[in-house]
Amino acid sequence: MDMNKLLHVSTYAGRIMLESGAETYRVEETICRICYSFGVDEADSFVTPTGIMVSICHDNKTYSLINRVKSRSVDLNKIDKINELSRTLQSEPMDLSHILKLLKEIDNGERYSIPLTLAFSALAAGTFSILFGGGFNDLLAATFIGLIIKIVTIKFQKLSINEFFINCIGGATAASLTLLLVILGFKINIDKTIIGAIMLLVPGLAITNAIRDTIAGDFLAGLTKAAEAFLIAISIAVGSGAILSFWINTLGGNI
């Protein structure tokens, strides 16, 4: 058995999961499950939101690998596929080369198309405005604004701009477009429309993972993700708050 190759394959699987938004305890469990399925004597992994450290022992020899993780997104489909693959390995042994091929297929798999992503993002924004007590006009306005926000965030993500500034710009876009619609004479509730639109930016997965990691006993990852969610919330508030402050204090508008 090539322990070096096993180490790299298992770490690669963990990296894909971590980059796709998986909880750290789930990544650690998956890495160790893959290693143990190949009969190693001991396997251990330590995962943080920005790095993976894996160590395996076999025949009185120890192999270790550290992998830095710089990008994070949300792709629950990849997480599910790798989680299923790691469980399948325990009952159906596979060759490491075949596993590596499957992992590359998962990693390079196509996500939802841009038009479909934009359509459902717009629909989600409009629906949230209704959930927060908005009317039909708020639904239409939030749907339109949600579409613009998603286009802006996708463009900025391709430019590798920091997430803090992307969310800040997204919040500012939501407030600006809402106030523009009011100026143009559309009868909408400013608060309901803005809230519905910025829900696209709210770090729901980060908050959920922070709670789940903390409950699982991984306090470092839990606190880190909670801090990440807090900073994202601040960036959204800064962006939208700056525009609303300018509207009220400088232009004399009302909310």
Foldseek 3Di string as FASTA:
>chain_A
DPVVLLLVLLVLLLLLCLQQQHFQVLSQVLSQLSVVLVPFPDKGWDDASFKIKIWTHHPNDIDIDIDTHDHHHHDVPLVVVSSVVSVVSNVDPDDSVVSSVVSVCSSPPDDDDPVVVLQVQLQQLLVQLVVVPWDPLLSVQLSVLSSVLVVQLVVVVVVVDDLLQSLLQSLLSQQVSLVVCVVVPRDTDSVSNSVSNSVSQQPPSLQVSLVVCVVVVNNNNNVVSVVVNVSSVVSSCNNNVVNVCCCCVPVVDDD
